[in-house]
Amino acid sequence: MLYRITVKQNRVSNGIRLDKGMSVDVVTNSLTNPVTTNGGQPVIDAFMRIYGIDIKKAGALNMVYLDCQRIN
C-alpha cells in the first residue's frame, strides 16, 4: 500500500521546523495507518530521507499534526 503523509500545520519544536504541506510517500505491506503502526518508523525514515529532519524529535509523529491518505 502507498500512503501520503502530509503535515497539517506549521510547527517549531526542539529546533526542528515543520511547514504545513510538507509530505512524504510511504510504502508498506500493512493495511493500517503507517503513522500509528510499528512506532511510525517508515514515516520517521521517510521524513529523514526527504527533508533531513527527525519528525519524532519534533514531537509531531501523531495524527494531530499529520494527515494520512491511502493512495492505492
Foldseek 3Di string as FASTA:
>chain_A
DKKKKFFCAWAAAPNDTDHGGDIFIFDDPDPDDCLPPPVNVRVQVRCCVPPVDRCVRSVQSDPVGMDMDDPD
